[in-house]
Amino acid sequence: ARDLREAQRAAEGFLQESGADPRAPRAQALLVQAYQAQGQRARALEAAETFLTRFPSDPMAPALELTRGQLLVEERRWDVAERAFEAAREHGEPAVAAPAQFWLGEALRARGDFEGAIVAYLGATYLYPGTPWAARGLQGAAQAYVSRRMLREAGILLRKLVATPDAEPALVQWARTALAQLGPTAGQDPSDSLKRGAARP
């Protein structure tokens, strides 16, 4: 915590004294990270928006859009968060675009747009194969299908997740458990446990 506060103060001081320095974008990005790591969400969001206003063409801008979107999700500002994820996806390299695609699904599902969420999640799966976000996209889409009571479709995706060779072990175990719970269990709603306890990054 002390190191984070020192990094924050150093970045703030540098930006006040050397705002036109070529290193200013990096300092502003570090300031966002320092605020975020200390749980100062409002200040992190403000710093991210300052970065995007001052340095919209900087190579780090898509990553800052992704961070901004995640902070907006925490504030339940779904529409603005979705636009941030879309911008990060459109302008970022795969390392940024893939999580942005997944998080777009998260925002859509959180506000109840399950159909849109499924499209976004499966975009992460099929546009970015071989990344961790591909398997997480299957998980998110399966959960959205369950929310729509489309259990057969959810089961198909869960089986795909179990068969994904490079999926995180926690996700594979979650999918196996979820598949078992989708079976004929008397007196139990199979959707309850799918909506809880998901392995998240």
N, C-alpha and C. Protein backbone atom coordinates (compact mmCIF):
# COMPACT_ATOMS: atom_id res chain seq x y z
N ALA A 1 0.83 -1.20 0.00
CA ALA A 1 0.00 0.00 0.00
C ALA A 1 0.87 1.25 0.00
N ARG A 2 1.96 1.20 0.75
CA ARG A 2 2.85 2.35 0.80
C ARG A 2 3.46 2.60 -0.57
N ASP A 3 3.90 1.54 -1.24
CA ASP A 3 4.49 1.69 -2.57
C ASP A 3 3.47 2.27 -3.55
N LEU A 4 2.22 1.85 -3.43
CA LEU A 4 1.18 2.37 -4.31
C LEU A 4 0.96 3.86 -4.09
N ARG A 5 0.93 4.27 -2.82
CA ARG A 5 0.75 5.69 -2.53
C ARG A 5 1.92 6.51 -3.05
N GLU A 6 3.12 5.96 -2.91
CA GLU A 6 4.30 6.67 -3.42
C GLU A 6 4.25 6.77 -4.94
N ALA A 7 3.84 5.70 -5.61
CA ALA A 7 3.71 5.74 -7.07
C ALA A 7 2.66 6.75 -7.49
N GLN A 8 1.57 6.79 -6.74
CA GLN A 8 0.51 7.75 -7.04
C GLN A 8 1.02 9.18 -6.92
N ARG A 9 1.70 9.47 -5.80
CA ARG A 9 2.21 10.83 -5.60
C ARG A 9 3.24 11.20 -6.66
N ALA A 10 4.09 10.25 -7.02
CA ALA A 10 5.10 10.53 -8.04
C ALA A 10 4.45 10.84 -9.38
N ALA A 11 3.44 10.06 -9.75
CA ALA A 11 2.76 10.29 -11.03
C ALA A 11 2.02 11.62 -11.01
N GLU A 12 1.35 11.92 -9.90
CA GLU A 12 0.62 13.19 -9.80
C GLU A 12 1.58 14.37 -9.90
N GLY A 13 2.71 14.29 -9.21
CA GLY A 13 3.69 15.37 -9.26
C GLY A 13 4.27 15.55 -10.65
N PHE A 14 4.59 14.45 -11.30
CA PHE A 14 5.15 14.53 -12.65
C PHE A 14 4.15 15.17 -13.61
N LEU A 15 2.90 14.78 -13.52
CA LEU A 15 1.89 15.31 -14.45
C LEU A 15 1.64 16.80 -14.20
N GLN A 16 1.73 17.23 -12.95
CA GLN A 16 1.54 18.64 -12.67
C GLN A 16 2.67 19.49 -13.23
N GLU A 17 3.89 18.95 -13.18
CA GLU A 17 5.06 19.72 -13.58
C GLU A 17 5.43 19.52 -15.05
N SER A 18 5.06 18.38 -15.62
CA SER A 18 5.55 18.04 -16.96
C SER A 18 4.43 17.48 -17.83
N GLY A 19 3.31 18.18 -17.86
CA GLY A 19 2.15 17.67 -18.58
C GLY A 19 2.39 17.46 -20.06
N ALA A 20 3.32 18.22 -20.65
CA ALA A 20 3.58 18.10 -22.09
C ALA A 20 4.72 17.13 -22.39
N ASP A 21 5.29 16.54 -21.38
CA ASP A 21 6.40 15.59 -21.57
C ASP A 21 5.90 14.36 -22.32
N PRO A 22 6.72 13.80 -23.23
CA PRO A 22 6.30 12.58 -23.94
C PRO A 22 5.99 11.40 -23.01
N ARG A 23 6.50 11.47 -21.79
CA ARG A 23 6.23 10.40 -20.82
C ARG A 23 4.91 10.59 -20.08
N ALA A 24 4.20 11.68 -20.38
CA ALA A 24 2.95 11.97 -19.67
C ALA A 24 1.90 10.87 -19.84
N PRO A 25 1.71 10.31 -21.04
CA PRO A 25 0.71 9.23 -21.14
C PRO A 25 1.01 8.06 -20.22
N ARG A 26 2.28 7.68 -20.15
CA ARG A 26 2.65 6.57 -19.27
C ARG A 26 2.37 6.91 -17.81
N ALA A 27 2.69 8.14 -17.42
CA ALA A 27 2.44 8.57 -16.04
C ALA A 27 0.94 8.57 -15.73
N GLN A 28 0.14 9.03 -16.69
CA GLN A 28 -1.31 9.04 -16.48
C GLN A 28 -1.85 7.62 -16.35
N ALA A 29 -1.34 6.70 -17.17
CA ALA A 29 -1.77 5.29 -17.08
C ALA A 29 -1.37 4.68 -15.74
N LEU A 30 -0.17 5.00 -15.27
CA LEU A 30 0.27 4.50 -13.96
C LEU A 30 -0.61 5.05 -12.84
N LEU A 31 -1.06 6.29 -13.01
CA LEU A 31 -1.93 6.89 -12.01
C LEU A 31 -3.27 6.14 -11.95
N VAL A 32 -3.79 5.77 -13.10
CA VAL A 32 -5.02 4.97 -13.13
C VAL A 32 -4.82 3.66 -12.37
N GLN A 33 -3.71 2.99 -12.65
CA GLN A 33 -3.42 1.71 -12.00
C GLN A 33 -3.28 1.87 -10.49
N ALA A 34 -2.60 2.95 -10.08
CA ALA A 34 -2.40 3.17 -8.64
C ALA A 34 -3.72 3.41 -7.93
N TYR A 35 -4.57 4.24 -8.51
CA TYR A 35 -5.89 4.48 -7.91
C TYR A 35 -6.70 3.19 -7.84
N GLN A 36 -6.68 2.44 -8.94
CA GLN A 36 -7.47 1.21 -9.01
C GLN A 36 -6.99 0.20 -7.97
N ALA A 37 -5.68 0.05 -7.84
CA ALA A 37 -5.13 -0.92 -6.89
C ALA A 37 -5.45 -0.55 -5.45
N GLN A 38 -5.67 0.73 -5.19
CA GLN A 38 -6.01 1.18 -3.84
C GLN A 38 -7.53 1.21 -3.59
N GLY A 39 -8.29 0.76 -4.58
CA GLY A 39 -9.74 0.74 -4.42
C GLY A 39 -10.40 2.09 -4.58
N GLN A 40 -9.68 3.06 -5.16
CA GLN A 40 -10.24 4.39 -5.36
C GLN A 40 -10.90 4.44 -6.75
N ARG A 41 -12.06 3.83 -6.84
CA ARG A 41 -12.70 3.64 -8.14
C ARG A 41 -13.03 4.96 -8.84
N ALA A 42 -13.60 5.90 -8.11
CA ALA A 42 -14.01 7.16 -8.73
C ALA A 42 -12.79 7.91 -9.27
N ARG A 43 -11.71 7.92 -8.50
CA ARG A 43 -10.51 8.62 -8.97
C ARG A 43 -9.86 7.88 -10.13
N ALA A 44 -9.90 6.54 -10.10
CA ALA A 44 -9.36 5.77 -11.22
C ALA A 44 -10.15 6.04 -12.49
N LEU A 45 -11.47 6.11 -12.37
CA LEU A 45 -12.31 6.38 -13.53
C LEU A 45 -12.04 7.77 -14.07
N GLU A 46 -11.93 8.74 -13.19
CA GLU A 46 -11.63 10.11 -13.62
C GLU A 46 -10.27 10.17 -14.32
N ALA A 47 -9.28 9.47 -13.77
CA ALA A 47 -7.95 9.47 -14.38
C ALA A 47 -7.96 8.78 -15.74
N ALA A 48 -8.73 7.70 -15.87
CA ALA A 48 -8.84 7.01 -17.16
C ALA A 48 -9.49 7.92 -18.20
N GLU A 49 -10.53 8.63 -17.80
CA GLU A 49 -11.21 9.53 -18.73
C GLU A 49 -10.31 10.70 -19.11
N THR A 50 -9.50 11.16 -18.17
CA THR A 50 -8.52 12.21 -18.49
C THR A 50 -7.53 11.71 -19.53
N PHE A 51 -7.04 10.48 -19.35
CA PHE A 51 -6.12 9.90 -20.33
C PHE A 51 -6.76 9.89 -21.71
N LEU A 52 -7.98 9.40 -21.80
CA LEU A 52 -8.63 9.23 -23.10
C LEU A 52 -8.95 10.57 -23.75
N THR A 53 -9.16 11.60 -22.94
CA THR A 53 -9.40 12.93 -23.48
C THR A 53 -8.11 13.56 -23.99
N ARG A 54 -7.03 13.38 -23.22
CA ARG A 54 -5.76 14.03 -23.58
C ARG A 54 -4.96 13.25 -24.60
N PHE A 55 -5.07 11.92 -24.57
CA PHE A 55 -4.21 11.09 -25.42
C PHE A 55 -5.04 10.05 -26.19
N PRO A 56 -6.03 10.49 -26.96
CA PRO A 56 -6.93 9.52 -27.60
C PRO A 56 -6.26 8.63 -28.63
N SER A 57 -5.13 9.08 -29.19
CA SER A 57 -4.44 8.29 -30.23
C SER A 57 -3.25 7.51 -29.68
N ASP A 58 -3.02 7.57 -28.38
CA ASP A 58 -1.89 6.86 -27.80
C ASP A 58 -2.11 5.35 -27.92
N PRO A 59 -1.04 4.57 -28.14
CA PRO A 59 -1.20 3.11 -28.23
C PRO A 59 -1.83 2.48 -27.00
N MET A 60 -1.73 3.14 -25.84
CA MET A 60 -2.33 2.58 -24.62
C MET A 60 -3.81 2.89 -24.49
N ALA A 61 -4.36 3.71 -25.38
CA ALA A 61 -5.76 4.14 -25.24
C ALA A 61 -6.75 2.98 -25.21
N PRO A 62 -6.63 1.96 -26.08
CA PRO A 62 -7.60 0.86 -26.00
C PRO A 62 -7.58 0.14 -24.65
N ALA A 63 -6.40 -0.05 -24.07
CA ALA A 63 -6.32 -0.69 -22.76
C ALA A 63 -6.98 0.17 -21.69
N LEU A 64 -6.83 1.49 -21.81
CA LEU A 64 -7.48 2.38 -20.85
C LEU A 64 -9.00 2.38 -21.05
N GLU A 65 -9.45 2.23 -22.30
CA GLU A 65 -10.89 2.09 -22.54
C GLU A 65 -11.43 0.83 -21.85
N LEU A 66 -10.66 -0.25 -21.95
CA LEU A 66 -11.07 -1.50 -21.29
C LEU A 66 -11.17 -1.30 -19.78
N THR A 67 -10.16 -0.68 -19.19
CA THR A 67 -10.19 -0.40 -17.75
C THR A 67 -11.37 0.49 -17.40
N ARG A 68 -11.58 1.52 -18.20
CA ARG A 68 -12.72 2.42 -17.96
C ARG A 68 -14.03 1.65 -17.99
N GLY A 69 -14.19 0.77 -18.96
CA GLY A 69 -15.41 -0.02 -19.04
C GLY A 69 -15.62 -0.88 -17.81
N GLN A 70 -14.54 -1.51 -17.33
CA GLN A 70 -14.65 -2.35 -16.14
C GLN A 70 -15.06 -1.53 -14.92
N LEU A 71 -14.50 -0.33 -14.81
CA LEU A 71 -14.88 0.54 -13.70
C LEU A 71 -16.33 0.97 -13.81
N LEU A 72 -16.79 1.23 -15.02
CA LEU A 72 -18.18 1.63 -15.23
C LEU A 72 -19.14 0.48 -14.92
N VAL A 73 -18.73 -0.75 -15.21
CA VAL A 73 -19.55 -1.91 -14.84
C VAL A 73 -19.73 -1.96 -13.32
N GLU A 74 -18.66 -1.70 -12.59
CA GLU A 74 -18.75 -1.69 -11.13
C GLU A 74 -19.74 -0.64 -10.64
N GLU A 75 -19.89 0.43 -11.41
CA GLU A 75 -20.85 1.49 -11.05
C GLU A 75 -22.22 1.25 -11.67
N ARG A 76 -22.38 0.13 -12.38
CA ARG A 76 -23.65 -0.24 -13.00
C ARG A 76 -24.10 0.76 -14.06
N ARG A 77 -23.15 1.36 -14.72
CA ARG A 77 -23.44 2.31 -15.82
C ARG A 77 -23.28 1.54 -17.13
N TRP A 78 -24.28 0.72 -17.41
CA TRP A 78 -24.15 -0.29 -18.46
C TRP A 78 -23.92 0.31 -19.85
N ASP A 79 -24.72 1.30 -20.24
CA ASP A 79 -24.63 1.82 -21.60
C ASP A 79 -23.25 2.41 -21.88
N VAL A 80 -22.75 3.20 -20.95
CA VAL A 80 -21.43 3.82 -21.15
C VAL A 80 -20.35 2.76 -21.13
N ALA A 81 -20.50 1.77 -20.26
CA ALA A 81 -19.52 0.68 -20.21
C ALA A 81 -19.48 -0.08 -21.52
N GLU A 82 -20.65 -0.35 -22.09
CA GLU A 82 -20.69 -1.07 -23.36
C GLU A 82 -19.97 -0.30 -24.46
N ARG A 83 -20.16 1.01 -24.50
CA ARG A 83 -19.46 1.81 -25.52
C ARG A 83 -17.96 1.77 -25.31
N ALA A 84 -17.53 1.77 -24.05
CA ALA A 84 -16.10 1.69 -23.78
C ALA A 84 -15.53 0.35 -24.25
N PHE A 85 -16.23 -0.73 -23.98
CA PHE A 85 -15.76 -2.05 -24.42
C PHE A 85 -15.74 -2.15 -25.94
N GLU A 86 -16.74 -1.57 -26.58
CA GLU A 86 -16.77 -1.58 -28.05
C GLU A 86 -15.58 -0.81 -28.63
N ALA A 87 -15.25 0.33 -28.02
CA ALA A 87 -14.10 1.11 -28.49
C ALA A 87 -12.81 0.34 -28.27
N ALA A 88 -12.66 -0.30 -27.12
CA ALA A 88 -11.45 -1.09 -26.84
C ALA A 88 -11.34 -2.25 -27.82
N ARG A 89 -12.45 -2.87 -28.13
CA ARG A 89 -12.45 -4.01 -29.06
C ARG A 89 -12.10 -3.56 -30.47
N GLU A 90 -12.63 -2.43 -30.90
CA GLU A 90 -12.43 -1.99 -32.28
C GLU A 90 -11.01 -1.50 -32.53
N HIS A 91 -10.40 -0.91 -31.52
CA HIS A 91 -9.10 -0.26 -31.73
C HIS A 91 -7.93 -0.98 -31.06
N GLY A 92 -8.21 -2.00 -30.29
CA GLY A 92 -7.14 -2.67 -29.55
C GLY A 92 -6.59 -3.88 -30.26
N GLU A 93 -5.39 -4.26 -29.88
CA GLU A 93 -4.81 -5.52 -30.32
C GLU A 93 -5.56 -6.67 -29.64
N PRO A 94 -5.38 -7.91 -30.12
CA PRO A 94 -6.13 -9.03 -29.53
C PRO A 94 -6.01 -9.13 -28.01
N ALA A 95 -4.85 -8.77 -27.45
CA ALA A 95 -4.68 -8.86 -26.00
C ALA A 95 -5.66 -7.95 -25.26
N VAL A 96 -6.13 -6.90 -25.91
CA VAL A 96 -7.13 -6.00 -25.33
C VAL A 96 -8.51 -6.29 -25.90
N ALA A 97 -8.58 -6.56 -27.20
CA ALA A 97 -9.88 -6.76 -27.85
C ALA A 97 -10.60 -7.99 -27.31
N ALA A 98 -9.86 -9.06 -27.01
CA ALA A 98 -10.50 -10.29 -26.53
C ALA A 98 -11.19 -10.08 -25.18
N PRO A 99 -10.50 -9.55 -24.17
CA PRO A 99 -11.22 -9.29 -22.91
C PRO A 99 -12.32 -8.25 -23.06
N ALA A 100 -12.14 -7.27 -23.97
CA ALA A 100 -13.19 -6.28 -24.18
C ALA A 100 -14.45 -6.95 -24.72
N GLN A 101 -14.28 -7.90 -25.63
CA GLN A 101 -15.43 -8.64 -26.17
C GLN A 101 -16.14 -9.41 -25.06
N PHE A 102 -15.36 -10.07 -24.21
CA PHE A 102 -15.95 -10.82 -23.09
C PHE A 102 -16.69 -9.88 -22.13
N TRP A 103 -16.04 -8.78 -21.77
CA TRP A 103 -16.65 -7.86 -20.81
C TRP A 103 -17.89 -7.18 -21.38
N LEU A 104 -17.94 -7.04 -22.70
CA LEU A 104 -19.18 -6.55 -23.31
C LEU A 104 -20.32 -7.51 -22.98
N GLY A 105 -20.04 -8.81 -23.07
CA GLY A 105 -21.05 -9.79 -22.68
C GLY A 105 -21.43 -9.66 -21.21
N GLU A 106 -20.45 -9.43 -20.35
CA GLU A 106 -20.74 -9.26 -18.92
C GLU A 106 -21.69 -8.09 -18.68
N ALA A 107 -21.42 -6.96 -19.36
CA ALA A 107 -22.27 -5.78 -19.17
C ALA A 107 -23.68 -6.03 -19.69
N LEU A 108 -23.79 -6.66 -20.85
CA LEU A 108 -25.11 -6.94 -21.42
C LEU A 108 -25.90 -7.91 -20.54
N ARG A 109 -25.23 -8.94 -20.04
CA ARG A 109 -25.93 -9.91 -19.18
C ARG A 109 -26.36 -9.27 -17.87
N ALA A 110 -25.50 -8.40 -17.32
CA ALA A 110 -25.82 -7.76 -16.04
C ALA A 110 -27.08 -6.90 -16.15
N ARG A 111 -27.31 -6.31 -17.30
CA ARG A 111 -28.51 -5.48 -17.43
C ARG A 111 -29.69 -6.22 -18.04
N GLY A 112 -29.54 -7.54 -18.20
CA GLY A 112 -30.67 -8.36 -18.60
C GLY A 112 -30.83 -8.59 -20.08
N ASP A 113 -29.87 -8.14 -20.89
CA ASP A 113 -29.93 -8.39 -22.34
C ASP A 113 -29.22 -9.71 -22.61
N PHE A 114 -29.90 -10.81 -22.34
CA PHE A 114 -29.25 -12.12 -22.43
C PHE A 114 -28.93 -12.50 -23.87
N GLU A 115 -29.80 -12.14 -24.80
CA GLU A 115 -29.53 -12.46 -26.20
C GLU A 115 -28.28 -11.74 -26.70
N GLY A 116 -28.19 -10.44 -26.40
CA GLY A 116 -27.01 -9.68 -26.78
C GLY A 116 -25.76 -10.21 -26.09
N ALA A 117 -25.92 -10.61 -24.83
CA ALA A 117 -24.77 -11.15 -24.09
C ALA A 117 -24.26 -12.43 -24.73
N ILE A 118 -25.16 -13.30 -25.16
CA ILE A 118 -24.74 -14.55 -25.80
C ILE A 118 -23.93 -14.26 -27.05
N VAL A 119 -24.39 -13.32 -27.86
CA VAL A 119 -23.66 -12.95 -29.08
C VAL A 119 -22.27 -12.45 -28.72
N ALA A 120 -22.18 -11.58 -27.70
CA ALA A 120 -20.89 -11.02 -27.31
C ALA A 120 -19.96 -12.10 -26.76
N TYR A 121 -20.48 -12.94 -25.88
CA TYR A 121 -19.66 -14.00 -25.30
C TYR A 121 -19.13 -14.94 -26.38
N LEU A 122 -20.01 -15.36 -27.29
CA LEU A 122 -19.56 -16.29 -28.32
C LEU A 122 -18.61 -15.61 -29.30
N GLY A 123 -18.70 -14.28 -29.40
CA GLY A 123 -17.69 -13.56 -30.17
C GLY A 123 -16.32 -13.72 -29.55
N ALA A 124 -16.25 -13.65 -28.21
CA ALA A 124 -14.97 -13.88 -27.54
C ALA A 124 -14.46 -15.28 -27.81
N THR A 125 -15.38 -16.24 -27.87
CA THR A 125 -14.99 -17.64 -28.08
C THR A 125 -14.47 -17.88 -29.48
N TYR A 126 -15.18 -17.39 -30.47
CA TYR A 126 -14.86 -17.76 -31.85
C TYR A 126 -13.96 -16.76 -32.57
N LEU A 127 -13.92 -15.52 -32.11
CA LEU A 127 -13.01 -14.55 -32.71
C LEU A 127 -11.62 -14.62 -32.12
N TYR A 128 -11.51 -15.12 -30.89
CA TYR A 128 -10.22 -15.14 -30.20
C TYR A 128 -9.92 -16.53 -29.66
N PRO A 129 -9.91 -17.54 -30.52
CA PRO A 129 -9.61 -18.90 -30.06
C PRO A 129 -8.18 -18.98 -29.55
N GLY A 130 -7.96 -19.87 -28.62
CA GLY A 130 -6.61 -20.02 -28.08
C GLY A 130 -6.26 -19.03 -26.99
N THR A 131 -7.18 -18.12 -26.66
CA THR A 131 -6.97 -17.20 -25.55
C THR A 131 -7.83 -17.66 -24.37
N PRO A 132 -7.49 -17.24 -23.16
CA PRO A 132 -8.34 -17.60 -22.01
C PRO A 132 -9.77 -17.11 -22.16
N TRP A 133 -9.96 -16.06 -22.95
CA TRP A 133 -11.29 -15.47 -23.08
C TRP A 133 -12.22 -16.33 -23.92
N ALA A 134 -11.67 -17.22 -24.73
CA ALA A 134 -12.51 -18.12 -25.52
C ALA A 134 -13.31 -19.04 -24.60
N ALA A 135 -12.64 -19.65 -23.63
CA ALA A 135 -13.33 -20.54 -22.69
C ALA A 135 -14.26 -19.75 -21.78
N ARG A 136 -13.84 -18.57 -21.35
CA ARG A 136 -14.70 -17.76 -20.49
C ARG A 136 -15.95 -17.32 -21.24
N GLY A 137 -15.80 -17.11 -22.55
CA GLY A 137 -16.96 -16.78 -23.36
C GLY A 137 -17.98 -17.91 -23.38
N LEU A 138 -17.50 -19.16 -23.46
CA LEU A 138 -18.42 -20.30 -23.39
C LEU A 138 -19.15 -20.33 -22.05
N GLN A 139 -18.42 -20.06 -20.98
CA GLN A 139 -19.05 -20.04 -19.66
C GLN A 139 -20.13 -18.97 -19.58
N GLY A 140 -19.78 -17.75 -20.01
CA GLY A 140 -20.75 -16.66 -19.94
C GLY A 140 -21.98 -16.93 -20.78
N ALA A 141 -21.77 -17.46 -22.00
CA ALA A 141 -22.91 -17.75 -22.87
C ALA A 141 -23.79 -18.84 -22.27
N ALA A 142 -23.16 -19.86 -21.66
CA ALA A 142 -23.95 -20.92 -21.02
C ALA A 142 -24.81 -20.34 -19.89
N GLN A 143 -24.24 -19.45 -19.11
CA GLN A 143 -25.00 -18.83 -18.02
C GLN A 143 -26.16 -17.98 -18.56
N ALA A 144 -25.89 -17.27 -19.67
CA ALA A 144 -26.96 -16.46 -20.26
C ALA A 144 -28.07 -17.35 -20.81
N TYR A 145 -27.71 -18.49 -21.41
CA TYR A 145 -28.73 -19.42 -21.88
C TYR A 145 -29.57 -19.94 -20.71
N VAL A 146 -28.93 -20.22 -19.60
CA VAL A 146 -29.68 -20.68 -18.42
C VAL A 146 -30.66 -19.60 -17.96
N SER A 147 -30.21 -18.36 -17.99
CA SER A 147 -31.11 -17.27 -17.59
C SER A 147 -32.32 -17.18 -18.51
N ARG A 148 -32.17 -17.61 -19.75
CA ARG A 148 -33.29 -17.64 -20.70
C ARG A 148 -34.04 -18.97 -20.67
N ARG A 149 -33.66 -19.84 -19.77
CA ARG A 149 -34.27 -21.17 -19.63
C ARG A 149 -34.03 -22.04 -20.85
N MET A 150 -32.95 -21.80 -21.56
CA MET A 150 -32.58 -22.59 -22.74
C MET A 150 -31.49 -23.57 -22.31
N LEU A 151 -31.92 -24.60 -21.58
CA LEU A 151 -30.96 -25.49 -20.92
C LEU A 151 -30.26 -26.41 -21.90
N ARG A 152 -30.93 -26.79 -22.97
CA ARG A 152 -30.27 -27.65 -23.96
C ARG A 152 -29.08 -26.92 -24.59
N GLU A 153 -29.29 -25.66 -24.96
CA GLU A 153 -28.21 -24.87 -25.55
C GLU A 153 -27.08 -24.67 -24.54
N ALA A 154 -27.46 -24.43 -23.29
CA ALA A 154 -26.44 -24.28 -22.25
C ALA A 154 -25.60 -25.55 -22.13
N GLY A 155 -26.26 -26.71 -22.18
CA GLY A 155 -25.54 -27.97 -22.08
C GLY A 155 -24.56 -28.18 -23.22
N ILE A 156 -24.94 -27.77 -24.42
CA ILE A 156 -24.04 -27.90 -25.58
C ILE A 156 -22.76 -27.11 -25.33
N LEU A 157 -22.91 -25.88 -24.84
CA LEU A 157 -21.73 -25.04 -24.60
C LEU A 157 -20.90 -25.57 -23.44
N LEU A 158 -21.56 -26.09 -22.43
CA LEU A 158 -20.81 -26.66 -21.30
C LEU A 158 -19.96 -27.84 -21.75
N ARG A 159 -20.51 -28.67 -22.64
CA ARG A 159 -19.72 -29.79 -23.15
C ARG A 159 -18.54 -29.29 -23.98
N LYS A 160 -18.75 -28.23 -24.74
CA LYS A 160 -17.64 -27.65 -25.49
C LYS A 160 -16.56 -27.15 -24.53
N LEU A 161 -16.99 -26.54 -23.43
CA LEU A 161 -16.04 -26.01 -22.46
C LEU A 161 -15.23 -27.14 -21.83
N VAL A 162 -15.89 -28.22 -21.46
CA VAL A 162 -15.19 -29.37 -20.89
C VAL A 162 -14.16 -29.91 -21.86
N ALA A 163 -14.47 -29.86 -23.16
CA ALA A 163 -13.58 -30.42 -24.18
C ALA A 163 -12.52 -29.45 -24.66
N THR A 164 -12.52 -28.22 -24.15
CA THR A 164 -11.53 -27.23 -24.58
C THR A 164 -10.19 -27.56 -23.94
N PRO A 165 -9.16 -27.87 -24.74
CA PRO A 165 -7.92 -28.39 -24.16
C PRO A 165 -7.15 -27.39 -23.31
N ASP A 166 -7.22 -26.10 -23.65
CA ASP A 166 -6.41 -25.13 -22.91
C ASP A 166 -7.25 -24.30 -21.94
N ALA A 167 -8.44 -24.77 -21.60
CA ALA A 167 -9.28 -24.04 -20.65
C ALA A 167 -8.69 -24.14 -19.24
N GLU A 168 -8.93 -23.11 -18.45
CA GLU A 168 -8.46 -23.11 -17.07
C GLU A 168 -9.12 -24.25 -16.30
N PRO A 169 -8.36 -24.96 -15.48
CA PRO A 169 -8.93 -26.10 -14.74
C PRO A 169 -10.18 -25.74 -13.94
N ALA A 170 -10.20 -24.55 -13.34
CA ALA A 170 -11.37 -24.16 -12.55
C ALA A 170 -12.61 -24.04 -13.42
N LEU A 171 -12.44 -23.55 -14.64
CA LEU A 171 -13.58 -23.44 -15.56
C LEU A 171 -14.08 -24.82 -15.98
N VAL A 172 -13.14 -25.73 -16.26
CA VAL A 172 -13.52 -27.08 -16.67
C VAL A 172 -14.28 -27.77 -15.55
N GLN A 173 -13.79 -27.63 -14.33
CA GLN A 173 -14.48 -28.26 -13.19
C GLN A 173 -15.87 -27.65 -13.00
N TRP A 174 -15.95 -26.34 -13.14
CA TRP A 174 -17.25 -25.67 -13.03
C TRP A 174 -18.21 -26.21 -14.08
N ALA A 175 -17.72 -26.38 -15.32
CA ALA A 175 -18.58 -26.86 -16.40
C ALA A 175 -19.04 -28.29 -16.14
N ARG A 176 -18.15 -29.14 -15.63
CA ARG A 176 -18.54 -30.51 -15.30
C ARG A 176 -19.64 -30.53 -14.24
N THR A 177 -19.45 -29.72 -13.21
CA THR A 177 -20.45 -29.65 -12.15
C THR A 177 -21.78 -29.15 -12.70
N ALA A 178 -21.71 -28.12 -13.54
CA ALA A 178 -22.92 -27.55 -14.12
C ALA A 178 -23.64 -28.56 -15.00
N LEU A 179 -22.89 -29.32 -15.77
CA LEU A 179 -23.49 -30.35 -16.62
C LEU A 179 -24.23 -31.39 -15.78
N ALA A 180 -23.61 -31.80 -14.69
CA ALA A 180 -24.26 -32.77 -13.82
C ALA A 180 -25.56 -32.21 -13.26
N GLN A 181 -25.56 -30.92 -12.95
CA GLN A 181 -26.74 -30.30 -12.36
C GLN A 181 -27.84 -30.05 -13.39
N LEU A 182 -27.50 -30.06 -14.66
CA LEU A 182 -28.51 -29.92 -15.69
C LEU A 182 -29.28 -31.22 -15.92
N GLY A 183 -28.81 -32.31 -15.32
CA GLY A 183 -29.49 -33.59 -15.47
C GLY A 183 -30.80 -33.61 -14.70
N PRO A 184 -31.53 -34.72 -14.80
CA PRO A 184 -32.83 -34.82 -14.13
C PRO A 184 -32.67 -34.96 -12.62
N THR A 185 -32.77 -33.87 -11.92
CA THR A 185 -32.66 -33.89 -10.46
C THR A 185 -34.00 -33.49 -9.88
N ALA A 186 -34.62 -34.40 -9.18
CA ALA A 186 -35.97 -34.16 -8.66
C ALA A 186 -35.97 -33.05 -7.62
N GLY A 187 -36.92 -32.14 -7.77
CA GLY A 187 -37.13 -31.10 -6.77
C GLY A 187 -36.07 -30.03 -6.73
N GLN A 188 -35.22 -29.95 -7.75
CA GLN A 188 -34.16 -28.94 -7.74
C GLN A 188 -34.17 -28.19 -9.06
N ASP A 189 -34.12 -26.87 -8.96
CA ASP A 189 -34.03 -26.04 -10.17
C ASP A 189 -32.58 -26.06 -10.63
N PRO A 190 -32.29 -26.61 -11.80
CA PRO A 190 -30.89 -26.73 -12.22
C PRO A 190 -30.23 -25.40 -12.51
N SER A 191 -31.02 -24.32 -12.61
CA SER A 191 -30.41 -23.04 -12.92
C SER A 191 -29.81 -22.37 -11.70
N ASP A 192 -30.24 -22.76 -10.51
CA ASP A 192 -29.80 -22.04 -9.32
C ASP A 192 -28.29 -22.06 -9.16
N SER A 193 -27.70 -23.24 -9.24
CA SER A 193 -26.27 -23.33 -9.00
C SER A 193 -25.47 -22.80 -10.17
N LEU A 194 -26.05 -22.75 -11.36
CA LEU A 194 -25.33 -22.17 -12.49
C LEU A 194 -25.20 -20.67 -12.35
N LYS A 195 -26.18 -20.05 -11.71
CA LYS A 195 -26.14 -18.61 -11.56
C LYS A 195 -25.23 -18.18 -10.42
N ARG A 196 -24.80 -19.14 -9.62
CA ARG A 196 -23.93 -18.84 -8.48
C ARG A 196 -22.59 -19.54 -8.67
N GLY A 197 -21.59 -19.01 -8.05
CA GLY A 197 -20.32 -19.71 -7.93
C GLY A 197 -19.55 -19.87 -9.21
N ALA A 198 -19.77 -18.99 -10.19
CA ALA A 198 -19.02 -19.13 -11.44
C ALA A 198 -17.57 -18.77 -11.21
N ALA A 199 -16.67 -19.54 -11.84
CA ALA A 199 -15.24 -19.21 -11.76
C ALA A 199 -14.98 -18.00 -12.62
N ARG A 200 -14.53 -16.94 -12.03
CA ARG A 200 -14.28 -15.70 -12.77
C ARG A 200 -12.78 -15.41 -12.79
N PRO A 201 -12.36 -14.65 -13.82
CA PRO A 201 -10.92 -14.34 -13.89
C PRO A 201 -10.48 -13.45 -12.76
